[in-house]
């Protein structure tokens, strides 16, 4: 997955004045969970989403979340300290009720989910070291090169990118809220061409 061009968007992590880096205390984890975490870390490494590091200023714990259907583990990171130190991005987010009004009275709607969209937005090079997290046991310490879930302002960064990509289609044939996209057509006969245009833009 090549990711979006940094000239289009990248996630920045500025720090408020007088905030110092925080290293969270290490947490315990059951061995069976630890082995599942190791599998997920190997998958993220192979995809190029994370990379190992040795020295860290910021250091967060992981929070493993079990997927009930598959039994696999999804890794979330406890970025509470980093988020507290980060100023809020005031980029305006769409209002849900207005989005609903925007798709009402159309004959055809297609709903799409931007699967792995967060993983296509890079973290600014100068801020990557702030995303550092530690794994239990022998697995190690890593940092994200792409924008992970749980970071403050990640939704705003994503929305800004989507607004830039679809700027001339929003309100006409498309509505978007972060990673949810709706293709809309007042006339049924126009829907395939509207979908085609959206897919070409995505590519």
N, C-alpha and C. Protein backbone atom coordinates (compact mmCIF):
# COMPACT_ATOMS: atom_id res chain seq x y z
N UNK A 1 0.85 -1.18 0.00
CA UNK A 1 0.00 0.00 0.00
C UNK A 1 0.89 1.24 0.00
N UNK A 2 0.94 2.01 -1.09
CA UNK A 2 1.91 3.11 -1.20
C UNK A 2 1.61 4.29 -0.29
N UNK A 3 0.35 4.53 0.04
CA UNK A 3 -0.02 5.66 0.88
C UNK A 3 -0.20 6.93 0.07
N UNK A 4 -0.82 7.93 0.70
CA UNK A 4 -1.06 9.20 0.04
C UNK A 4 0.22 10.04 0.04
N UNK A 5 0.38 10.82 -1.00
CA UNK A 5 1.54 11.69 -1.15
C UNK A 5 1.61 12.66 0.03
N UNK A 6 2.79 12.81 0.61
CA UNK A 6 2.96 13.72 1.75
C UNK A 6 2.63 15.17 1.38
N UNK A 7 2.74 15.51 0.09
CA UNK A 7 2.40 16.87 -0.31
C UNK A 7 0.90 17.11 -0.21
N UNK A 8 0.12 16.03 -0.25
CA UNK A 8 -1.33 16.14 -0.10
C UNK A 8 -1.72 16.22 1.36
N UNK A 9 -1.19 15.29 2.16
CA UNK A 9 -1.55 15.25 3.58
C UNK A 9 -0.51 14.44 4.36
N UNK A 10 -0.25 14.85 5.58
CA UNK A 10 0.50 14.05 6.54
C UNK A 10 0.06 14.48 7.93
N UNK A 11 0.13 13.55 8.87
CA UNK A 11 -0.35 13.84 10.22
C UNK A 11 0.78 14.41 11.06
N UNK A 12 0.53 15.59 11.63
CA UNK A 12 1.52 16.26 12.46
C UNK A 12 1.13 16.14 13.93
N UNK A 13 2.13 16.12 14.80
CA UNK A 13 1.91 15.97 16.23
C UNK A 13 2.63 17.07 17.01
N UNK A 14 2.13 18.31 16.90
CA UNK A 14 2.75 19.39 17.68
C UNK A 14 2.49 19.18 19.18
N UNK A 15 3.35 19.73 20.01
CA UNK A 15 3.23 19.57 21.46
C UNK A 15 3.03 20.96 22.09
N UNK A 16 2.07 21.04 23.02
CA UNK A 16 1.83 22.30 23.73
C UNK A 16 3.07 22.70 24.54
N UNK A 17 3.19 23.98 24.76
CA UNK A 17 4.31 24.52 25.54
C UNK A 17 4.29 23.94 26.96
N UNK A 18 5.46 23.64 27.46
CA UNK A 18 5.67 23.16 28.84
C UNK A 18 5.30 21.69 29.05
N UNK A 19 4.91 20.97 27.98
CA UNK A 19 4.64 19.53 28.12
C UNK A 19 5.92 18.75 27.83
N UNK A 20 6.24 17.82 28.71
CA UNK A 20 7.42 16.98 28.54
C UNK A 20 7.02 15.58 28.10
N UNK A 21 7.90 14.85 27.41
CA UNK A 21 7.59 13.48 27.00
C UNK A 21 7.27 12.59 28.20
N UNK A 22 6.37 11.63 27.97
CA UNK A 22 5.95 10.70 29.03
C UNK A 22 6.27 9.27 28.63
N UNK A 23 6.87 8.53 29.56
CA UNK A 23 7.09 7.10 29.37
C UNK A 23 6.17 6.37 30.35
N UNK A 24 5.18 5.67 29.80
CA UNK A 24 4.23 4.97 30.64
C UNK A 24 4.88 3.76 31.32
N UNK A 25 4.36 3.40 32.51
CA UNK A 25 4.85 2.22 33.21
C UNK A 25 4.45 0.96 32.45
N UNK A 26 5.32 -0.01 32.44
CA UNK A 26 5.09 -1.26 31.71
C UNK A 26 3.92 -2.04 32.32
N UNK A 27 3.09 -2.63 31.46
CA UNK A 27 1.94 -3.41 31.91
C UNK A 27 2.19 -4.90 31.69
N UNK A 28 1.52 -5.71 32.50
CA UNK A 28 1.62 -7.16 32.36
C UNK A 28 0.62 -7.67 31.33
N UNK A 29 0.90 -8.85 30.77
CA UNK A 29 0.02 -9.45 29.78
C UNK A 29 0.13 -10.96 29.82
N UNK A 30 -0.99 -11.66 29.65
CA UNK A 30 -0.97 -13.12 29.63
C UNK A 30 -0.19 -13.62 28.41
N UNK A 31 0.46 -14.77 28.55
CA UNK A 31 1.33 -15.29 27.50
C UNK A 31 0.57 -15.57 26.21
N UNK A 32 -0.66 -16.11 26.28
CA UNK A 32 -1.40 -16.41 25.05
C UNK A 32 -1.75 -15.12 24.29
N UNK A 33 -2.04 -14.05 25.04
CA UNK A 33 -2.30 -12.75 24.40
C UNK A 33 -1.01 -12.19 23.80
N UNK A 34 0.09 -12.37 24.51
CA UNK A 34 1.39 -11.88 24.04
C UNK A 34 1.77 -12.52 22.70
N UNK A 35 1.48 -13.81 22.54
CA UNK A 35 1.79 -14.49 21.28
C UNK A 35 0.95 -13.96 20.13
N UNK A 36 -0.31 -13.61 20.41
CA UNK A 36 -1.18 -13.03 19.38
C UNK A 36 -0.72 -11.61 19.02
N UNK A 37 -0.24 -10.89 20.03
CA UNK A 37 0.30 -9.55 19.79
C UNK A 37 1.52 -9.65 18.87
N UNK A 38 2.37 -10.64 19.12
CA UNK A 38 3.57 -10.85 18.29
C UNK A 38 3.19 -11.08 16.83
N UNK A 39 2.13 -11.85 16.59
CA UNK A 39 1.66 -12.10 15.21
C UNK A 39 1.23 -10.80 14.54
N UNK A 40 0.51 -9.98 15.28
CA UNK A 40 0.03 -8.71 14.72
C UNK A 40 1.19 -7.75 14.47
N UNK A 41 2.16 -7.72 15.37
CA UNK A 41 3.35 -6.87 15.18
C UNK A 41 4.09 -7.29 13.91
N UNK A 42 4.23 -8.58 13.70
CA UNK A 42 4.91 -9.08 12.50
C UNK A 42 4.16 -8.67 11.23
N UNK A 43 2.81 -8.66 11.30
CA UNK A 43 2.01 -8.24 10.15
C UNK A 43 2.22 -6.75 9.87
N UNK A 44 2.22 -5.93 10.92
CA UNK A 44 2.41 -4.49 10.77
C UNK A 44 3.81 -4.16 10.26
N UNK A 45 4.81 -4.91 10.73
CA UNK A 45 6.19 -4.72 10.24
C UNK A 45 6.30 -5.05 8.76
N UNK A 46 5.68 -6.16 8.37
CA UNK A 46 5.73 -6.59 6.96
C UNK A 46 5.06 -5.57 6.05
N UNK A 47 3.99 -4.94 6.55
CA UNK A 47 3.27 -3.94 5.75
C UNK A 47 4.00 -2.61 5.72
N UNK A 48 5.01 -2.43 6.60
CA UNK A 48 5.74 -1.18 6.64
C UNK A 48 5.05 -0.10 7.44
N UNK A 49 4.05 -0.47 8.26
CA UNK A 49 3.30 0.50 9.04
C UNK A 49 4.05 0.92 10.31
N UNK A 50 4.92 0.04 10.80
CA UNK A 50 5.71 0.34 12.00
C UNK A 50 7.17 -0.02 11.72
N UNK A 51 8.06 0.45 12.60
CA UNK A 51 9.47 0.07 12.50
C UNK A 51 10.05 0.00 13.92
N UNK A 52 11.02 -0.89 14.13
CA UNK A 52 11.61 -1.03 15.46
C UNK A 52 12.51 0.15 15.79
N UNK A 53 12.59 0.49 17.07
CA UNK A 53 13.48 1.56 17.51
C UNK A 53 14.18 1.11 18.79
N UNK A 54 15.20 1.84 19.17
CA UNK A 54 15.95 1.51 20.39
C UNK A 54 15.71 2.57 21.46
N UNK A 55 15.89 3.84 21.11
CA UNK A 55 15.77 4.92 22.08
C UNK A 55 14.45 5.65 21.90
N UNK A 56 13.79 6.00 23.00
CA UNK A 56 12.48 6.65 22.92
C UNK A 56 12.34 7.72 23.98
N UNK A 57 11.73 8.86 23.59
CA UNK A 57 11.36 9.90 24.55
C UNK A 57 9.92 9.66 25.03
N UNK A 58 9.02 9.51 24.06
CA UNK A 58 7.64 9.15 24.35
C UNK A 58 7.54 7.63 24.30
N UNK A 59 6.79 7.04 25.23
CA UNK A 59 6.64 5.60 25.23
C UNK A 59 5.26 5.23 25.80
N UNK A 60 4.45 4.59 24.96
CA UNK A 60 3.09 4.23 25.37
C UNK A 60 2.92 2.71 25.39
N UNK A 61 1.93 2.25 26.12
CA UNK A 61 1.59 0.83 26.16
C UNK A 61 0.61 0.49 25.06
N UNK A 62 0.60 -0.77 24.68
CA UNK A 62 -0.43 -1.23 23.75
C UNK A 62 -1.61 -1.74 24.55
N UNK A 63 -2.78 -1.69 23.91
CA UNK A 63 -4.01 -2.25 24.47
C UNK A 63 -4.52 -3.27 23.45
N UNK A 64 -4.30 -4.56 23.69
CA UNK A 64 -4.75 -5.56 22.71
C UNK A 64 -6.27 -5.71 22.74
N UNK A 65 -6.89 -5.70 21.57
CA UNK A 65 -8.34 -5.86 21.44
C UNK A 65 -8.60 -7.14 20.66
N UNK A 66 -9.32 -8.06 21.27
CA UNK A 66 -9.59 -9.36 20.66
C UNK A 66 -10.74 -9.25 19.66
N UNK A 67 -10.51 -9.74 18.43
CA UNK A 67 -11.59 -9.82 17.43
C UNK A 67 -12.35 -11.12 17.67
N UNK A 68 -13.60 -11.00 18.06
CA UNK A 68 -14.38 -12.19 18.45
C UNK A 68 -14.55 -13.19 17.33
N UNK A 69 -14.77 -12.71 16.12
CA UNK A 69 -15.05 -13.63 15.00
C UNK A 69 -13.83 -14.48 14.65
N UNK A 70 -12.65 -13.87 14.61
CA UNK A 70 -11.45 -14.57 14.15
C UNK A 70 -10.52 -15.01 15.28
N UNK A 71 -10.67 -14.41 16.45
CA UNK A 71 -9.76 -14.72 17.56
C UNK A 71 -8.43 -13.99 17.45
N UNK A 72 -8.26 -13.19 16.38
CA UNK A 72 -7.02 -12.42 16.21
C UNK A 72 -7.03 -11.21 17.14
N UNK A 73 -5.90 -10.58 17.28
CA UNK A 73 -5.76 -9.41 18.15
C UNK A 73 -5.47 -8.18 17.30
N UNK A 74 -6.20 -7.09 17.58
CA UNK A 74 -5.90 -5.80 16.97
C UNK A 74 -5.18 -4.97 18.02
N UNK A 75 -4.14 -4.29 17.60
CA UNK A 75 -3.33 -3.52 18.54
C UNK A 75 -3.78 -2.06 18.55
N UNK A 76 -4.18 -1.60 19.72
CA UNK A 76 -4.43 -0.18 19.93
C UNK A 76 -3.34 0.32 20.87
N UNK A 77 -3.03 1.59 20.79
CA UNK A 77 -1.99 2.16 21.63
C UNK A 77 -2.61 3.20 22.56
N UNK A 78 -2.20 3.19 23.81
CA UNK A 78 -2.71 4.12 24.81
C UNK A 78 -1.99 5.47 24.66
N UNK A 79 -2.53 6.31 23.77
CA UNK A 79 -1.90 7.60 23.48
C UNK A 79 -2.48 8.73 24.35
N UNK A 80 -3.02 8.40 25.52
CA UNK A 80 -3.63 9.45 26.36
C UNK A 80 -2.66 10.58 26.70
N UNK A 81 -1.43 10.25 27.06
CA UNK A 81 -0.46 11.29 27.42
C UNK A 81 -0.10 12.17 26.24
N UNK A 82 0.14 11.54 25.09
CA UNK A 82 0.48 12.29 23.88
C UNK A 82 -0.70 13.16 23.45
N UNK A 83 -1.91 12.61 23.53
CA UNK A 83 -3.10 13.38 23.13
C UNK A 83 -3.33 14.58 24.04
N UNK A 84 -3.07 14.40 25.33
CA UNK A 84 -3.22 15.51 26.27
C UNK A 84 -2.24 16.63 25.97
N UNK A 85 -1.06 16.25 25.46
CA UNK A 85 -0.02 17.24 25.15
C UNK A 85 -0.21 17.90 23.78
N UNK A 86 -1.13 17.38 22.98
CA UNK A 86 -1.32 17.89 21.61
C UNK A 86 -2.47 18.89 21.55
N UNK A 87 -2.28 20.02 20.90
CA UNK A 87 -3.39 20.98 20.74
C UNK A 87 -4.44 20.43 19.78
N UNK A 88 -5.68 20.87 19.98
CA UNK A 88 -6.78 20.40 19.12
C UNK A 88 -6.73 21.07 17.76
N UNK A 89 -6.86 20.27 16.71
CA UNK A 89 -6.97 20.80 15.35
C UNK A 89 -8.40 21.28 15.15
N UNK A 90 -8.57 22.55 14.82
CA UNK A 90 -9.91 23.13 14.71
C UNK A 90 -10.49 22.99 13.30
N UNK A 91 -9.94 22.07 12.50
CA UNK A 91 -10.49 21.87 11.16
C UNK A 91 -11.97 21.49 11.26
N UNK A 92 -12.85 22.15 10.51
CA UNK A 92 -14.29 21.90 10.66
C UNK A 92 -14.71 20.53 10.12
N UNK A 93 -15.38 19.76 10.97
CA UNK A 93 -15.89 18.45 10.57
C UNK A 93 -17.32 18.59 10.08
N UNK A 94 -17.76 17.73 9.15
CA UNK A 94 -19.14 17.79 8.66
C UNK A 94 -20.14 17.51 9.78
N UNK A 95 -21.33 18.06 9.65
CA UNK A 95 -22.40 17.82 10.61
C UNK A 95 -23.26 16.67 10.10
N UNK A 96 -23.49 15.68 10.95
CA UNK A 96 -24.18 14.46 10.54
C UNK A 96 -25.57 14.74 9.98
N UNK A 97 -26.33 15.63 10.63
CA UNK A 97 -27.70 15.90 10.16
C UNK A 97 -27.72 16.54 8.77
N UNK A 98 -26.70 17.36 8.51
CA UNK A 98 -26.63 17.99 7.18
C UNK A 98 -26.22 16.98 6.11
N UNK A 99 -25.39 16.01 6.48
CA UNK A 99 -25.03 14.96 5.54
C UNK A 99 -26.25 14.11 5.19
N UNK A 100 -27.07 13.82 6.21
CA UNK A 100 -28.31 13.05 5.96
C UNK A 100 -29.22 13.83 5.03
N UNK A 101 -29.39 15.14 5.28
CA UNK A 101 -30.21 15.98 4.40
C UNK A 101 -29.63 16.00 2.98
N UNK A 102 -28.29 15.95 2.89
CA UNK A 102 -27.64 16.01 1.58
C UNK A 102 -27.86 14.79 0.71
N UNK A 103 -28.17 13.64 1.33
CA UNK A 103 -28.39 12.43 0.53
C UNK A 103 -29.88 12.08 0.40
N UNK A 104 -30.73 12.80 1.15
CA UNK A 104 -32.17 12.54 1.06
C UNK A 104 -32.69 12.90 -0.35
N UNK A 105 -33.76 12.24 -0.74
CA UNK A 105 -34.44 12.51 -2.02
C UNK A 105 -33.63 12.09 -3.24
N UNK A 106 -32.60 11.25 -3.04
CA UNK A 106 -31.90 10.67 -4.18
C UNK A 106 -32.48 9.29 -4.46
N UNK A 107 -32.52 8.91 -5.74
CA UNK A 107 -33.07 7.60 -6.09
C UNK A 107 -32.11 6.46 -5.79
N UNK A 108 -30.80 6.73 -5.92
CA UNK A 108 -29.80 5.68 -5.70
C UNK A 108 -28.70 6.17 -4.77
N UNK A 109 -28.32 5.29 -3.83
CA UNK A 109 -27.21 5.57 -2.92
C UNK A 109 -26.30 4.37 -2.85
N UNK A 110 -24.99 4.59 -2.82
CA UNK A 110 -24.02 3.53 -2.58
C UNK A 110 -23.14 3.96 -1.41
N UNK A 111 -23.06 3.09 -0.40
CA UNK A 111 -22.28 3.39 0.80
C UNK A 111 -20.94 2.65 0.75
N UNK A 112 -19.86 3.36 1.07
CA UNK A 112 -18.53 2.76 1.05
C UNK A 112 -17.77 3.11 2.31
N UNK A 113 -16.96 2.17 2.76
CA UNK A 113 -16.13 2.36 3.94
C UNK A 113 -14.67 2.38 3.48
N UNK A 114 -13.95 3.44 3.87
CA UNK A 114 -12.54 3.57 3.47
C UNK A 114 -11.66 2.60 4.25
N UNK A 115 -11.74 1.33 3.93
CA UNK A 115 -10.99 0.30 4.65
C UNK A 115 -9.49 0.59 4.59
N UNK A 116 -8.85 0.59 5.75
CA UNK A 116 -7.41 0.84 5.87
C UNK A 116 -7.01 2.24 5.38
N UNK A 117 -7.97 3.16 5.34
CA UNK A 117 -7.66 4.51 4.90
C UNK A 117 -6.67 5.22 5.82
N UNK A 118 -6.83 5.00 7.13
CA UNK A 118 -5.90 5.60 8.09
C UNK A 118 -4.47 5.18 7.78
N UNK A 119 -4.31 3.95 7.31
CA UNK A 119 -2.97 3.42 7.05
C UNK A 119 -2.33 4.00 5.79
N UNK A 120 -3.03 4.88 5.09
CA UNK A 120 -2.47 5.49 3.88
C UNK A 120 -2.03 6.94 4.12
N UNK A 121 -2.19 7.40 5.36
CA UNK A 121 -1.76 8.75 5.71
C UNK A 121 -0.49 8.63 6.56
N UNK A 122 0.57 9.27 6.12
CA UNK A 122 1.86 9.19 6.80
C UNK A 122 1.93 10.15 7.99
N UNK A 123 2.69 9.76 8.99
CA UNK A 123 3.02 10.67 10.08
C UNK A 123 4.20 11.53 9.61
N UNK A 124 4.18 12.82 9.92
CA UNK A 124 5.28 13.71 9.55
C UNK A 124 6.59 13.15 10.11
N UNK A 125 7.63 13.14 9.31
CA UNK A 125 8.91 12.53 9.70
C UNK A 125 9.42 13.04 11.05
N UNK A 126 9.25 14.34 11.29
CA UNK A 126 9.77 14.91 12.54
C UNK A 126 8.94 14.52 13.77
N UNK A 127 7.77 13.89 13.54
CA UNK A 127 6.89 13.51 14.65
C UNK A 127 6.78 12.01 14.86
N UNK A 128 7.37 11.20 14.00
CA UNK A 128 7.25 9.74 14.10
C UNK A 128 7.70 9.24 15.47
N UNK A 129 8.77 9.82 16.01
CA UNK A 129 9.32 9.34 17.29
C UNK A 129 8.34 9.48 18.46
N UNK A 130 7.30 10.31 18.29
CA UNK A 130 6.31 10.50 19.36
C UNK A 130 5.29 9.37 19.43
N UNK A 131 5.23 8.55 18.37
CA UNK A 131 4.23 7.46 18.32
C UNK A 131 4.76 6.15 18.91
N UNK A 132 5.91 6.20 19.57
CA UNK A 132 6.58 4.99 20.07
C UNK A 132 5.71 4.24 21.07
N UNK A 133 5.71 2.92 20.95
CA UNK A 133 4.96 2.07 21.88
C UNK A 133 5.78 0.82 22.19
N UNK A 134 5.53 0.28 23.39
CA UNK A 134 6.26 -0.92 23.81
C UNK A 134 5.32 -2.11 23.84
N UNK A 135 5.88 -3.26 23.47
CA UNK A 135 5.15 -4.52 23.50
C UNK A 135 5.63 -5.33 24.70
N UNK A 136 4.84 -6.29 25.12
CA UNK A 136 5.24 -7.09 26.28
C UNK A 136 6.37 -8.06 25.95
N UNK A 137 7.05 -8.50 27.00
CA UNK A 137 8.04 -9.57 26.87
C UNK A 137 9.16 -9.28 25.89
N UNK A 138 9.37 -10.22 24.99
CA UNK A 138 10.54 -10.19 24.10
C UNK A 138 10.27 -9.48 22.77
N UNK A 139 9.09 -8.91 22.60
CA UNK A 139 8.69 -8.42 21.26
C UNK A 139 9.42 -7.14 20.87
N UNK A 140 9.50 -6.16 21.79
CA UNK A 140 10.29 -4.97 21.48
C UNK A 140 9.53 -3.66 21.54
N UNK A 141 10.17 -2.61 21.01
CA UNK A 141 9.64 -1.25 20.99
C UNK A 141 9.59 -0.78 19.53
N UNK A 142 8.48 -0.11 19.16
CA UNK A 142 8.26 0.27 17.77
C UNK A 142 7.67 1.67 17.69
N UNK A 143 7.69 2.21 16.47
CA UNK A 143 7.03 3.49 16.21
C UNK A 143 6.26 3.38 14.89
N UNK A 144 5.17 4.14 14.79
CA UNK A 144 4.33 4.14 13.58
C UNK A 144 4.88 5.11 12.55
N UNK A 145 4.93 4.67 11.31
CA UNK A 145 5.26 5.57 10.20
C UNK A 145 4.00 6.10 9.55
N UNK A 146 2.87 5.38 9.77
CA UNK A 146 1.57 5.81 9.25
C UNK A 146 0.69 6.24 10.42
N UNK A 147 -0.39 6.93 10.13
CA UNK A 147 -1.27 7.47 11.17
C UNK A 147 -2.10 6.36 11.81
N UNK A 148 -1.85 6.05 13.09
CA UNK A 148 -2.62 4.99 13.74
C UNK A 148 -3.92 5.52 14.33
N UNK A 149 -4.83 4.60 14.65
CA UNK A 149 -6.03 4.97 15.38
C UNK A 149 -5.64 5.47 16.77
N UNK A 150 -6.45 6.33 17.33
CA UNK A 150 -6.27 6.75 18.71
C UNK A 150 -5.52 8.05 18.89
N UNK A 151 -4.92 8.57 17.82
CA UNK A 151 -4.21 9.85 17.94
C UNK A 151 -5.19 11.01 17.85
N UNK A 152 -4.97 12.00 18.68
CA UNK A 152 -5.79 13.20 18.61
C UNK A 152 -5.64 13.84 17.23
N UNK A 153 -6.74 14.34 16.71
CA UNK A 153 -6.79 15.04 15.42
C UNK A 153 -6.67 14.11 14.21
N UNK A 154 -6.61 12.78 14.43
CA UNK A 154 -6.51 11.86 13.28
C UNK A 154 -7.74 12.00 12.38
N UNK A 155 -8.91 12.12 12.99
CA UNK A 155 -10.14 12.29 12.20
C UNK A 155 -10.12 13.55 11.36
N UNK A 156 -9.62 14.64 11.95
CA UNK A 156 -9.54 15.91 11.22
C UNK A 156 -8.55 15.82 10.06
N UNK A 157 -7.42 15.15 10.28
CA UNK A 157 -6.44 14.96 9.21
C UNK A 157 -7.04 14.16 8.07
N UNK A 158 -7.76 13.09 8.42
CA UNK A 158 -8.41 12.23 7.42
C UNK A 158 -9.45 13.04 6.64
N UNK A 159 -10.30 13.79 7.36
CA UNK A 159 -11.35 14.57 6.71
C UNK A 159 -10.77 15.60 5.74
N UNK A 160 -9.70 16.26 6.16
CA UNK A 160 -9.04 17.26 5.31
C UNK A 160 -8.55 16.62 4.01
N UNK A 161 -7.97 15.42 4.13
CA UNK A 161 -7.50 14.71 2.93
C UNK A 161 -8.65 14.36 2.01
N UNK A 162 -9.74 13.84 2.58
CA UNK A 162 -10.91 13.46 1.76
C UNK A 162 -11.54 14.68 1.10
N UNK A 163 -11.61 15.78 1.82
CA UNK A 163 -12.17 17.01 1.23
C UNK A 163 -11.32 17.48 0.07
N UNK A 164 -10.01 17.34 0.19
CA UNK A 164 -9.11 17.74 -0.90
C UNK A 164 -9.28 16.83 -2.12
N UNK A 165 -9.36 15.52 -1.87
CA UNK A 165 -9.47 14.55 -2.96
C UNK A 165 -10.79 14.73 -3.72
N UNK A 166 -11.89 14.92 -2.98
CA UNK A 166 -13.23 14.95 -3.59
C UNK A 166 -13.84 16.34 -3.63
N UNK A 167 -13.03 17.39 -3.57
CA UNK A 167 -13.53 18.76 -3.40
C UNK A 167 -14.60 19.16 -4.39
N UNK A 168 -14.49 18.76 -5.65
CA UNK A 168 -15.44 19.18 -6.68
C UNK A 168 -16.65 18.25 -6.80
N UNK A 169 -16.66 17.15 -6.05
CA UNK A 169 -17.76 16.19 -6.11
C UNK A 169 -18.66 16.26 -4.88
N UNK A 170 -18.11 16.76 -3.77
CA UNK A 170 -18.88 16.85 -2.53
C UNK A 170 -20.06 17.80 -2.72
N UNK A 171 -21.23 17.31 -2.31
CA UNK A 171 -22.46 18.10 -2.46
C UNK A 171 -23.17 17.86 -3.78
N UNK A 172 -22.46 17.30 -4.77
CA UNK A 172 -23.06 17.03 -6.07
C UNK A 172 -23.39 15.55 -6.22
N UNK A 173 -22.35 14.73 -6.32
CA UNK A 173 -22.57 13.29 -6.51
C UNK A 173 -22.02 12.48 -5.34
N UNK A 174 -21.57 13.15 -4.29
CA UNK A 174 -20.87 12.44 -3.22
C UNK A 174 -20.95 13.23 -1.92
N UNK A 175 -21.02 12.48 -0.80
CA UNK A 175 -20.88 13.06 0.54
C UNK A 175 -19.85 12.21 1.29
N UNK A 176 -19.08 12.83 2.17
CA UNK A 176 -18.04 12.08 2.88
C UNK A 176 -17.93 12.55 4.32
N UNK A 177 -17.84 11.56 5.23
CA UNK A 177 -17.57 11.84 6.64
C UNK A 177 -16.42 10.94 7.07
N UNK A 178 -15.25 11.49 7.19
CA UNK A 178 -14.00 10.79 7.51
C UNK A 178 -13.81 9.63 6.52
N UNK A 179 -14.03 8.37 6.96
CA UNK A 179 -13.80 7.24 6.04
C UNK A 179 -15.08 6.64 5.49
N UNK A 180 -16.22 7.31 5.70
CA UNK A 180 -17.50 6.85 5.14
C UNK A 180 -17.86 7.72 3.95
N UNK A 181 -18.08 7.08 2.81
CA UNK A 181 -18.38 7.79 1.56
C UNK A 181 -19.73 7.32 1.03
N UNK A 182 -20.55 8.27 0.62
CA UNK A 182 -21.85 7.95 0.00
C UNK A 182 -21.86 8.55 -1.40
N UNK A 183 -22.06 7.69 -2.40
CA UNK A 183 -22.26 8.16 -3.78
C UNK A 183 -23.76 8.28 -3.96
N UNK A 184 -24.21 9.42 -4.45
CA UNK A 184 -25.66 9.67 -4.56
C UNK A 184 -26.02 10.08 -5.98
N UNK A 185 -27.22 9.71 -6.37
CA UNK A 185 -27.71 10.04 -7.71
C UNK A 185 -29.20 10.36 -7.66
N UNK A 186 -29.58 11.59 -8.04
CA UNK A 186 -31.01 11.93 -8.07
C UNK A 186 -31.78 11.07 -9.08
N UNK A 187 -31.08 10.67 -10.16
CA UNK A 187 -31.69 9.81 -11.17
C UNK A 187 -30.96 8.48 -11.21
N UNK A 188 -31.71 7.39 -11.25
CA UNK A 188 -31.12 6.05 -11.23
C UNK A 188 -30.14 5.83 -12.38
N UNK A 189 -30.46 6.37 -13.53
CA UNK A 189 -29.63 6.17 -14.72
C UNK A 189 -28.25 6.81 -14.63
N UNK A 190 -28.07 7.75 -13.71
CA UNK A 190 -26.78 8.43 -13.56
C UNK A 190 -25.84 7.73 -12.58
N UNK A 191 -26.33 6.71 -11.88
CA UNK A 191 -25.58 6.18 -10.74
C UNK A 191 -24.28 5.48 -11.15
N UNK A 192 -24.33 4.70 -12.22
CA UNK A 192 -23.12 3.99 -12.64
C UNK A 192 -22.02 4.97 -13.02
N UNK A 193 -22.37 6.03 -13.72
CA UNK A 193 -21.34 7.02 -14.12
C UNK A 193 -20.81 7.76 -12.89
N UNK A 194 -21.67 8.03 -11.90
CA UNK A 194 -21.22 8.68 -10.67
C UNK A 194 -20.27 7.77 -9.89
N UNK A 195 -20.59 6.48 -9.84
CA UNK A 195 -19.70 5.51 -9.18
C UNK A 195 -18.36 5.43 -9.90
N UNK A 196 -18.42 5.37 -11.23
CA UNK A 196 -17.20 5.27 -12.02
C UNK A 196 -16.29 6.47 -11.78
N UNK A 197 -16.88 7.65 -11.74
CA UNK A 197 -16.09 8.87 -11.51
C UNK A 197 -15.44 8.85 -10.13
N UNK A 198 -16.20 8.38 -9.14
CA UNK A 198 -15.66 8.30 -7.77
C UNK A 198 -14.51 7.29 -7.68
N UNK A 199 -14.68 6.13 -8.32
CA UNK A 199 -13.65 5.10 -8.28
C UNK A 199 -12.37 5.56 -8.99
N UNK A 200 -12.55 6.26 -10.11
CA UNK A 200 -11.37 6.78 -10.82
C UNK A 200 -10.63 7.78 -9.96
N UNK A 201 -11.37 8.64 -9.25
CA UNK A 201 -10.74 9.62 -8.37
C UNK A 201 -9.99 8.93 -7.23
N UNK A 202 -10.57 7.88 -6.69
CA UNK A 202 -9.92 7.14 -5.61
C UNK A 202 -8.60 6.54 -6.07
N UNK A 203 -8.61 5.98 -7.29
CA UNK A 203 -7.38 5.40 -7.82
C UNK A 203 -6.31 6.48 -8.00
